[in-house]
């Protein structure tokens, strides 16, 4: 735009100078009238001179774009960490997908050029988590998968019920004390695996009792799942459902959809379940509005997705519905798996005040019926608040529990046989 304005100013200046020269050589106005000099000829001559001037300036070089290499950004000061705090990271680091942790605090180093010669900088870098203390050391969960609970398929390993009746939602569960009768609160961090930085920071900075839900479409999702279990975290597989808000809210090309045939949904379900192993169940997420939440409506769950529910139950997986609606835990029968809903949802856009208000609501719900479930989107603010909040629960006679321990809650009472004793 600045180049065009400069060109226009130059054209106006040249035209004015040209007219001054022409008018200076013309005879007086009276003589011009007497001789009847054609004014049109003067205008034509002026136009020709302007065209000649434009042709001359057109050969001038155009504005050039200069690219300058940005110097490396200075890393922000890191808080001092006691050597004991780094103990859990040695084990988890072996499981994490290959990366360059030193670049995590440098947005310029993380930026990648795209075909348009622009730079794409991650929205959240490790520097945003630097002030949050590292989690205390916790025992890794048992190795997974259990060969007796694996079904081989063309898509990959699938969970199945063991010949001895064992099921994934109990075998892969994080140990929890069966005699702990305090109200249980399960916190599920959803959408993990999509951002390597956020996923790595969640594993390193949140207590092991927090459950992690990984996106099936995420790159290196198998490695991320193993890293989470090595850090003591129980895991879920994110199961996308196309809800009644489609196409305004799209759950993705691999989502289960009510307009697909049962065979097509089963094919998609099989491909999704084979993306990783060692998970206790699935977290359903989608684009529904009819039920006031994020998933498909109850009608869809009972109709088009009935076969999906049956398949998940047959494989011994618990189902967590990401809709924010208070509902009791599902029945825990021998031939079925528990089904529970989220009570509180924390968005990545929530302010610190909003996050604290939702955590307070979570505490009140847990006291009123002995359990509560929250689904949290990953963000630096959410991690900081969860880490600080979790250490206060013991003084409030509440306990942070893996989602499997909450799934063992039926009709407001604790089913001790469904939980594993803390070693």
Protein backbone atom coordinates (compact mmCIF):
# COMPACT_ATOMS: atom_id res chain seq x y z
CA UNK A 1 0.00 0.00 0.00
CA UNK A 2 2.86 2.43 0.81
CA UNK A 3 4.46 1.77 -2.60
CA UNK A 4 1.20 2.57 -4.39
CA UNK A 5 0.82 5.87 -2.52
CA UNK A 6 4.38 6.87 -3.37
CA UNK A 7 3.77 6.08 -7.04
CA UNK A 8 0.56 8.15 -7.06
CA UNK A 9 2.29 11.15 -5.46
CA UNK A 10 5.07 11.00 -8.03
CA UNK A 11 2.53 10.88 -10.88
CA UNK A 12 0.66 13.93 -9.54
CA UNK A 13 3.90 15.88 -9.10
CA UNK A 14 5.07 15.08 -12.63
CA UNK A 15 1.71 16.09 -14.10
CA UNK A 16 1.79 19.44 -12.30
CA UNK A 17 5.29 20.19 -13.55
CA UNK A 18 4.27 19.26 -17.10
CA UNK A 19 1.28 21.58 -17.03
CA UNK A 20 3.42 24.44 -15.75
CA UNK A 21 5.81 24.03 -18.68
CA UNK A 22 2.97 23.89 -21.20
CA UNK A 23 1.13 26.90 -19.74
CA UNK A 24 4.39 28.89 -19.60
CA UNK A 25 4.86 28.56 -23.36
CA UNK A 26 1.28 29.43 -24.26
CA UNK A 27 0.50 33.00 -25.39
CA UNK A 28 -1.68 35.26 -23.23
CA UNK A 29 -5.26 34.20 -22.72
CA UNK A 30 -6.54 36.97 -25.05
CA UNK A 31 -4.23 35.87 -27.82
CA UNK A 32 -5.26 32.28 -27.25
CA UNK A 33 -8.88 33.24 -27.77
CA UNK A 34 -8.12 35.20 -30.90
CA UNK A 35 -6.10 32.43 -32.40
CA UNK A 36 -8.63 29.81 -31.20
CA UNK A 37 -5.91 27.40 -30.08
CA UNK A 38 -7.50 23.98 -29.64
CA UNK A 39 -7.51 23.12 -25.93
CA UNK A 40 -8.15 19.45 -26.80
CA UNK A 41 -4.76 19.26 -28.50
CA UNK A 42 -3.08 20.45 -25.31
CA UNK A 43 -4.91 17.78 -23.30
CA UNK A 44 -3.93 15.05 -25.74
CA UNK A 45 -0.31 16.15 -25.61
CA UNK A 46 -0.42 16.07 -21.82
CA UNK A 47 -1.85 12.58 -21.82
CA UNK A 48 0.87 11.35 -24.18
CA UNK A 49 3.58 12.81 -21.98
CA UNK A 50 2.11 11.11 -18.91
CA UNK A 51 2.03 7.76 -20.70
CA UNK A 52 5.66 8.17 -21.70
CA UNK A 53 6.55 8.94 -18.08
CA UNK A 54 4.68 5.86 -16.84
CA UNK A 55 6.47 3.66 -19.33
CA UNK A 56 9.78 4.98 -18.06
CA UNK A 57 9.04 4.36 -14.37
CA UNK A 58 7.61 0.89 -15.06
CA UNK A 59 11.15 -0.41 -15.55
CA UNK A 60 12.14 0.56 -12.04
CA UNK A 61 12.58 -2.34 -9.60
CA UNK A 62 9.58 -3.15 -7.41
CA UNK A 63 9.55 -3.30 -3.62
CA UNK A 64 11.77 -6.10 -2.29
CA UNK A 65 11.01 -8.48 0.61
CA UNK A 66 13.89 -8.94 3.00
CA UNK A 67 14.01 -12.00 5.30
CA UNK A 68 15.99 -11.66 8.51
CA UNK A 69 16.95 -14.62 10.70
CA UNK A 70 15.62 -14.13 14.21
CA UNK A 71 18.15 -14.61 17.00
CA UNK A 72 17.39 -17.38 19.51
CA UNK A 73 15.04 -16.20 22.22
CA UNK A 74 16.49 -16.09 25.70
CA UNK A 75 15.14 -18.90 27.86
CA UNK A 76 13.10 -17.68 30.84
CA UNK A 77 14.55 -18.31 34.29
CA UNK A 78 13.68 -21.79 35.55
CA UNK A 79 12.58 -22.35 39.13
CA UNK A 80 14.92 -24.33 41.31
CA UNK A 81 13.87 -27.98 41.56
CA UNK A 82 15.09 -30.27 44.29
CA UNK A 83 16.90 -33.37 43.03
CA UNK A 84 14.30 -35.60 44.69
CA UNK A 85 11.54 -34.07 42.56
CA UNK A 86 13.17 -35.30 39.35
CA UNK A 87 13.02 -38.97 40.35
CA UNK A 88 9.78 -39.80 38.50
CA UNK A 89 11.02 -38.16 35.32
CA UNK A 90 13.87 -40.60 34.76
CA UNK A 91 11.39 -43.44 34.30
CA UNK A 92 8.83 -41.47 32.33
CA UNK A 93 11.44 -39.93 30.00
CA UNK A 94 12.34 -43.38 28.71
CA UNK A 95 8.74 -43.85 27.54
CA UNK A 96 8.18 -40.43 26.00
CA UNK A 97 8.25 -40.09 22.19
CA UNK A 98 11.51 -38.70 20.85
CA UNK A 99 11.77 -34.94 21.25
CA UNK A 100 14.19 -32.15 22.12
CA UNK A 101 13.28 -30.94 25.62
CA UNK A 102 15.88 -28.15 25.43
CA UNK A 103 13.84 -26.46 22.71
CA UNK A 104 10.64 -26.55 24.71
CA UNK A 105 11.18 -23.10 26.22
CA UNK A 106 12.24 -21.49 22.93
CA UNK A 107 9.28 -20.56 20.70
CA UNK A 108 11.59 -19.58 17.84
CA UNK A 109 13.36 -22.93 17.94
CA UNK A 110 10.02 -24.73 17.93
CA UNK A 111 8.68 -22.70 15.02
CA UNK A 112 8.46 -24.48 11.70
CA UNK A 113 8.44 -22.71 8.30
CA UNK A 114 5.51 -23.53 6.06
CA UNK A 115 5.31 -23.30 2.24
CA UNK A 116 4.30 -19.65 2.49
CA UNK A 117 7.59 -18.80 4.25
CA UNK A 118 5.80 -17.92 7.46
CA UNK A 119 6.49 -19.27 10.92
CA UNK A 120 4.05 -21.39 12.93
CA UNK A 121 4.76 -21.07 16.65
CA UNK A 122 3.07 -23.44 19.15
CA UNK A 123 0.29 -21.76 21.10
CA UNK A 124 1.59 -23.20 24.38
CA UNK A 125 5.24 -23.95 25.11
CA UNK A 126 6.90 -25.59 28.09
CA UNK A 127 7.72 -22.11 29.45
CA UNK A 128 4.04 -21.73 30.38
CA UNK A 129 4.36 -24.69 32.78
CA UNK A 130 7.79 -23.86 34.20
CA UNK A 131 6.50 -22.44 37.49
CA UNK A 132 4.35 -25.52 38.26
CA UNK A 133 6.14 -27.99 40.57
CA UNK A 134 6.95 -31.45 39.23
CA UNK A 135 4.80 -34.28 40.52
CA UNK A 136 6.08 -36.51 43.31
CA UNK A 137 7.45 -39.93 42.45
CA UNK A 138 4.80 -42.64 42.02
CA UNK A 139 4.97 -46.32 41.19
CA UNK A 140 4.48 -47.25 37.56
CA UNK A 141 1.38 -49.25 36.69
CA UNK A 142 1.76 -52.89 35.74
CA UNK A 143 2.97 -53.58 32.19
CA UNK A 144 0.26 -53.53 29.53
CA UNK A 145 -1.26 -55.13 27.62
CA UNK A 146 -1.92 -58.42 29.37
CA UNK A 147 -1.58 -61.09 26.62
CA UNK A 148 -4.63 -62.90 28.02
CA UNK A 149 -6.76 -59.80 27.39
CA UNK A 150 -5.66 -59.17 23.80
CA UNK A 151 -7.50 -60.12 20.62
CA UNK A 152 -5.41 -60.01 17.45
CA UNK A 153 -7.03 -58.29 14.50
CA UNK A 154 -6.08 -56.82 11.14
CA UNK A 155 -6.26 -53.34 12.72
CA UNK A 156 -4.06 -54.26 15.67
CA UNK A 157 -4.46 -55.56 19.24
CA UNK A 158 -7.96 -55.22 20.68
CA UNK A 159 -9.10 -55.57 24.30
CA UNK A 160 -11.18 -58.61 25.19
CA UNK A 161 -12.49 -60.41 28.26
CA UNK A 162 -10.14 -63.00 29.65
CA UNK A 163 -11.05 -66.65 29.74
CA UNK A 164 -10.95 -66.41 33.55
CA UNK A 165 -13.42 -63.50 33.57
CA UNK A 166 -10.89 -60.71 34.03
CA UNK A 167 -11.70 -57.44 32.27
CA UNK A 168 -9.63 -54.45 31.13
CA UNK A 169 -11.33 -51.87 33.33
CA UNK A 170 -10.12 -53.73 36.43
CA UNK A 171 -6.84 -55.30 35.28
CA UNK A 172 -5.40 -52.03 33.90
CA UNK A 173 -6.78 -49.91 36.75
CA UNK A 174 -4.56 -47.85 39.02
CA UNK A 175 -4.49 -49.48 42.49
CA UNK A 176 -6.85 -47.89 44.97
CA UNK A 177 -7.45 -48.74 48.65
CA UNK A 178 -10.74 -50.63 48.92
CA UNK A 179 -11.18 -49.57 52.55
CA UNK A 180 -10.99 -45.85 51.77
CA UNK A 181 -14.55 -44.70 52.36
CA UNK A 182 -13.93 -40.99 51.69
CA UNK A 183 -15.91 -39.41 48.82
CA UNK A 184 -14.05 -40.08 45.58
CA UNK A 185 -13.29 -37.46 42.96
CA UNK A 186 -12.08 -38.51 39.52
CA UNK A 187 -10.40 -35.92 37.31
CA UNK A 188 -9.94 -36.83 33.64
CA UNK A 189 -7.67 -34.69 31.47
CA UNK A 190 -8.98 -35.13 27.91
CA UNK A 191 -7.62 -34.43 24.45
CA UNK A 192 -4.05 -35.53 25.20
CA UNK A 193 -1.58 -36.54 22.53
CA UNK A 194 -2.47 -33.75 20.09
CA UNK A 195 0.04 -31.33 21.63
CA UNK A 196 3.35 -33.03 22.51
CA UNK A 197 4.33 -30.18 24.81
CA UNK A 198 1.06 -30.14 26.76
CA UNK A 199 0.97 -33.94 27.00
CA UNK A 200 4.53 -34.15 28.29
CA UNK A 201 3.87 -31.47 30.91
CA UNK A 202 0.68 -33.18 32.10
CA UNK A 203 2.52 -36.44 32.67
CA UNK A 204 5.32 -34.74 34.57
CA UNK A 205 3.35 -32.28 36.70
CA UNK A 206 0.01 -33.88 37.68
CA UNK A 207 -0.39 -36.48 40.45
CA UNK A 208 -0.76 -40.10 39.36
CA UNK A 209 -4.38 -40.29 40.56
CA UNK A 210 -5.40 -38.02 37.66
CA UNK A 211 -6.74 -40.05 34.73
CA UNK A 212 -5.56 -39.25 31.21
CA UNK A 213 -7.68 -39.61 28.05
CA UNK A 214 -5.75 -39.76 24.78
CA UNK A 215 -7.04 -38.91 21.32
CA UNK A 216 -7.00 -41.97 19.08
CA UNK A 217 -5.95 -39.84 16.11
CA UNK A 218 -2.90 -38.37 17.88
CA UNK A 219 0.57 -39.15 16.59
CA UNK A 220 2.63 -41.47 18.83
CA UNK A 221 -0.48 -42.18 20.89
CA UNK A 222 0.78 -45.67 21.81
CA UNK A 223 4.04 -44.23 23.22
CA UNK A 224 2.20 -41.47 25.07
CA UNK A 225 -0.11 -44.05 26.67
CA UNK A 226 2.82 -46.13 27.86
CA UNK A 227 4.53 -43.02 29.25
CA UNK A 228 1.40 -42.09 31.20
CA UNK A 229 1.15 -45.55 32.74
CA UNK A 230 4.86 -45.40 33.60
CA UNK A 231 4.05 -42.19 35.50
CA UNK A 232 1.29 -43.95 37.46
CA UNK A 233 -1.67 -42.59 35.47
CA UNK A 234 -4.70 -44.64 34.53
CA UNK A 235 -5.65 -44.01 30.90
CA UNK A 236 -8.72 -43.84 28.68
CA UNK A 237 -9.09 -43.83 24.92
CA UNK A 238 -10.96 -40.85 23.47
CA UNK A 239 -13.84 -42.17 21.36
CA UNK A 240 -15.24 -39.49 18.99
CA UNK A 241 -19.00 -39.53 18.42
CA UNK A 242 -20.72 -37.44 15.77
CA UNK A 243 -23.53 -35.62 17.57
CA UNK A 244 -26.65 -33.70 16.60
CA UNK A 245 -24.70 -30.43 16.23
CA UNK A 246 -22.93 -31.72 13.11
CA UNK A 247 -21.74 -30.10 10.83
CA UNK A 248 -21.32 -27.05 13.09
CA UNK A 249 -19.35 -29.21 15.54
CA UNK A 250 -17.42 -31.93 13.74
CA UNK A 251 -15.97 -34.85 15.73
CA UNK A 252 -13.65 -35.78 12.87
CA UNK A 253 -13.53 -38.13 9.88
CA UNK A 254 -13.08 -41.24 12.05
CA UNK A 255 -15.98 -40.48 14.40
CA UNK A 256 -18.79 -42.92 14.97
CA UNK A 257 -21.95 -41.47 13.48
CA UNK A 258 -25.68 -42.25 13.81
CA UNK A 259 -26.16 -42.07 10.04
CA UNK A 260 -23.66 -44.89 9.43
CA UNK A 261 -24.65 -48.52 9.32
CA UNK A 262 -23.83 -50.73 12.33
CA UNK A 263 -21.17 -52.47 10.23
CA UNK A 264 -19.49 -49.17 9.35
CA UNK A 265 -19.53 -48.01 12.96
CA UNK A 266 -18.06 -51.33 14.09
CA UNK A 267 -15.25 -51.00 11.54
CA UNK A 268 -14.44 -47.52 12.82
CA UNK A 269 -14.67 -48.67 16.42
CA UNK A 270 -12.24 -51.52 15.76
CA UNK A 271 -9.73 -49.18 14.12
CA UNK A 272 -9.97 -46.72 17.03
CA UNK A 273 -9.65 -49.32 19.78
CA UNK A 274 -6.49 -50.73 18.17
CA UNK A 275 -4.59 -47.43 18.28
CA UNK A 276 -3.23 -48.03 21.80
CA UNK A 277 -3.38 -50.54 24.64
CA UNK A 278 -3.59 -50.62 28.42
CA UNK A 279 -6.66 -48.39 28.75
CA UNK A 280 -9.46 -49.11 31.24
CA UNK A 281 -12.18 -47.74 28.99
CA UNK A 282 -13.25 -45.00 26.62
CA UNK A 283 -14.22 -41.35 26.95
CA UNK A 284 -16.97 -40.51 24.50
CA UNK A 285 -16.81 -37.01 23.04
CA UNK A 286 -18.66 -35.38 20.19
CA UNK A 287 -20.84 -32.52 19.07
CA UNK A 288 -24.26 -32.96 20.58
CA UNK A 289 -26.51 -30.26 22.02
CA UNK A 290 -29.80 -31.97 22.62
CA UNK A 291 -28.73 -33.27 26.02
CA UNK A 292 -26.96 -30.13 27.12
CA UNK A 293 -23.48 -31.44 26.70
CA UNK A 294 -20.82 -32.44 24.26
CA UNK A 295 -21.81 -35.93 23.24
CA UNK A 296 -24.58 -37.50 21.24
CA UNK A 297 -28.08 -37.39 22.68
CA UNK A 298 -29.60 -40.17 24.79
CA UNK A 299 -31.75 -41.17 21.89
CA UNK A 300 -28.69 -41.74 19.75
CA UNK A 301 -26.98 -43.65 22.54
CA UNK A 302 -29.93 -45.99 22.87
CA UNK A 303 -30.52 -46.35 19.16
CA UNK A 304 -27.79 -45.94 16.58
CA UNK A 305 -25.00 -46.53 19.09
CA UNK A 306 -26.63 -49.41 20.97
CA UNK A 307 -24.44 -51.92 19.13
CA UNK A 308 -21.36 -49.88 20.03
CA UNK A 309 -22.32 -49.96 23.71
CA UNK A 310 -22.74 -53.70 23.53
CA UNK A 311 -19.33 -54.14 21.87
CA UNK A 312 -17.60 -52.02 24.51
CA UNK A 313 -19.28 -53.93 27.33
CA UNK A 314 -18.37 -57.25 25.73
CA UNK A 315 -14.72 -56.16 25.70
CA UNK A 316 -14.80 -55.29 29.38
CA UNK A 317 -14.34 -51.53 28.96
CA UNK A 318 -15.94 -48.86 31.11
CA UNK A 319 -17.54 -45.89 29.34
CA UNK A 320 -17.26 -42.30 30.53
CA UNK A 321 -19.68 -39.93 28.82
CA UNK A 322 -18.23 -36.43 28.48
CA UNK A 323 -21.57 -34.71 28.79
CA UNK A 324 -21.83 -32.45 31.81
CA UNK A 325 -24.96 -33.90 33.39
CA UNK A 326 -25.29 -35.40 36.87
CA UNK A 327 -26.16 -39.07 36.63
CA UNK A 328 -25.38 -42.13 38.73
CA UNK A 329 -22.86 -44.75 37.75
CA UNK A 330 -24.00 -47.49 35.46
CA UNK A 331 -24.67 -51.03 36.52
CA UNK A 332 -21.65 -53.22 37.19
CA UNK A 333 -22.84 -56.66 36.14
CA UNK A 334 -20.89 -59.68 35.08
CA UNK A 335 -21.78 -59.30 31.40
CA UNK A 336 -21.62 -55.52 31.22
CA UNK A 337 -19.25 -52.69 32.03
CA UNK A 338 -19.94 -49.57 34.10
CA UNK A 339 -21.08 -46.39 32.42
CA UNK A 340 -20.75 -43.00 34.10
CA UNK A 341 -21.07 -39.37 33.10
CA UNK A 342 -18.99 -36.34 33.74
CA UNK A 343 -20.45 -33.94 36.27
CA UNK A 344 -18.20 -30.92 35.68
CA UNK A 345 -16.42 -29.73 32.54
CA UNK A 346 -13.40 -27.41 32.62
CA UNK A 347 -12.58 -25.72 29.32
CA UNK A 348 -9.12 -24.68 28.18
CA UNK A 349 -10.51 -21.13 27.92
CA UNK A 350 -11.73 -20.98 31.52
CA UNK A 351 -10.21 -18.38 33.78
CA UNK A 352 -8.56 -19.26 37.07
CA UNK A 353 -11.64 -18.06 38.94
CA UNK A 354 -13.89 -20.25 36.78
CA UNK A 355 -11.65 -23.29 37.30
CA UNK A 356 -11.70 -22.81 41.06
CA UNK A 357 -15.49 -22.47 41.05
CA UNK A 358 -15.86 -25.74 39.13
CA UNK A 359 -13.51 -27.55 41.48
CA UNK A 360 -15.58 -26.30 44.42
CA UNK A 361 -18.71 -27.63 42.71
CA UNK A 362 -16.94 -30.95 42.22
CA UNK A 363 -16.25 -31.16 45.95
CA UNK A 364 -19.90 -30.42 46.80
CA UNK A 365 -21.15 -33.11 44.42
CA UNK A 366 -18.75 -35.67 45.86
CA UNK A 367 -19.94 -34.96 49.40
CA UNK A 368 -23.58 -35.23 48.39
CA UNK A 369 -23.36 -38.71 46.82
CA UNK A 370 -19.86 -40.08 47.58
CA UNK A 371 -18.32 -39.53 44.12
CA UNK A 372 -17.97 -37.00 41.30
CA UNK A 373 -16.28 -36.86 37.89
CA UNK A 374 -14.70 -33.93 36.04
CA UNK A 375 -13.37 -33.72 32.48
CA UNK A 376 -10.66 -31.09 32.03
CA UNK A 377 -9.18 -29.72 28.82
CA UNK A 378 -5.39 -29.30 29.05
CA UNK A 379 -4.08 -25.79 29.71
CA UNK A 380 -1.34 -24.26 31.89
CA UNK A 381 -3.96 -22.67 34.17
CA UNK A 382 -5.81 -25.97 34.62
CA UNK A 383 -2.58 -27.85 35.44
CA UNK A 384 -1.52 -25.25 38.00
CA UNK A 385 -4.93 -25.23 39.69
CA UNK A 386 -5.27 -29.03 39.70
CA UNK A 387 -1.80 -29.51 41.14
CA UNK A 388 -2.45 -27.02 43.95
CA UNK A 389 -6.02 -28.23 44.59
CA UNK A 390 -5.15 -31.93 44.78
CA UNK A 391 -2.92 -31.50 47.86
CA UNK A 392 -5.81 -29.87 49.79
CA UNK A 393 -8.25 -32.78 49.43
CA UNK A 394 -6.89 -34.84 52.32
CA UNK A 395 -7.64 -31.98 54.75
CA UNK A 396 -11.21 -31.84 53.39
CA UNK A 397 -11.84 -35.57 53.94
CA UNK A 398 -11.97 -36.12 50.16
CA UNK A 399 -9.77 -38.30 47.97
CA UNK A 400 -8.57 -37.96 44.38
CA UNK A 401 -9.26 -41.31 42.75
CA UNK A 402 -8.73 -42.89 39.31
CA UNK A 403 -11.88 -43.12 37.26
CA UNK A 404 -11.99 -46.92 37.69
CA UNK A 405 -12.39 -46.45 41.46
CA UNK A 406 -15.33 -44.12 40.84
CA UNK A 407 -16.76 -46.58 38.31
CA UNK A 408 -16.85 -49.11 41.13
CA UNK A 409 -19.43 -46.87 42.85
CA UNK A 410 -23.00 -48.08 42.40
CA UNK A 411 -26.09 -46.26 43.67
CA UNK A 412 -23.96 -44.01 45.85
CA UNK A 413 -22.22 -46.90 47.64
CA UNK A 414 -18.73 -48.21 47.16
CA UNK A 415 -18.39 -51.66 45.66
CA UNK A 416 -15.12 -52.81 47.24
CA UNK A 417 -14.85 -55.88 45.04
CA UNK A 418 -14.43 -53.68 41.97
CA UNK A 419 -11.40 -51.83 43.26
CA UNK A 420 -7.88 -53.08 43.68
CA UNK A 421 -6.12 -52.83 47.00
CA UNK A 422 -3.35 -50.29 47.27
CA UNK A 423 -0.04 -52.06 47.54
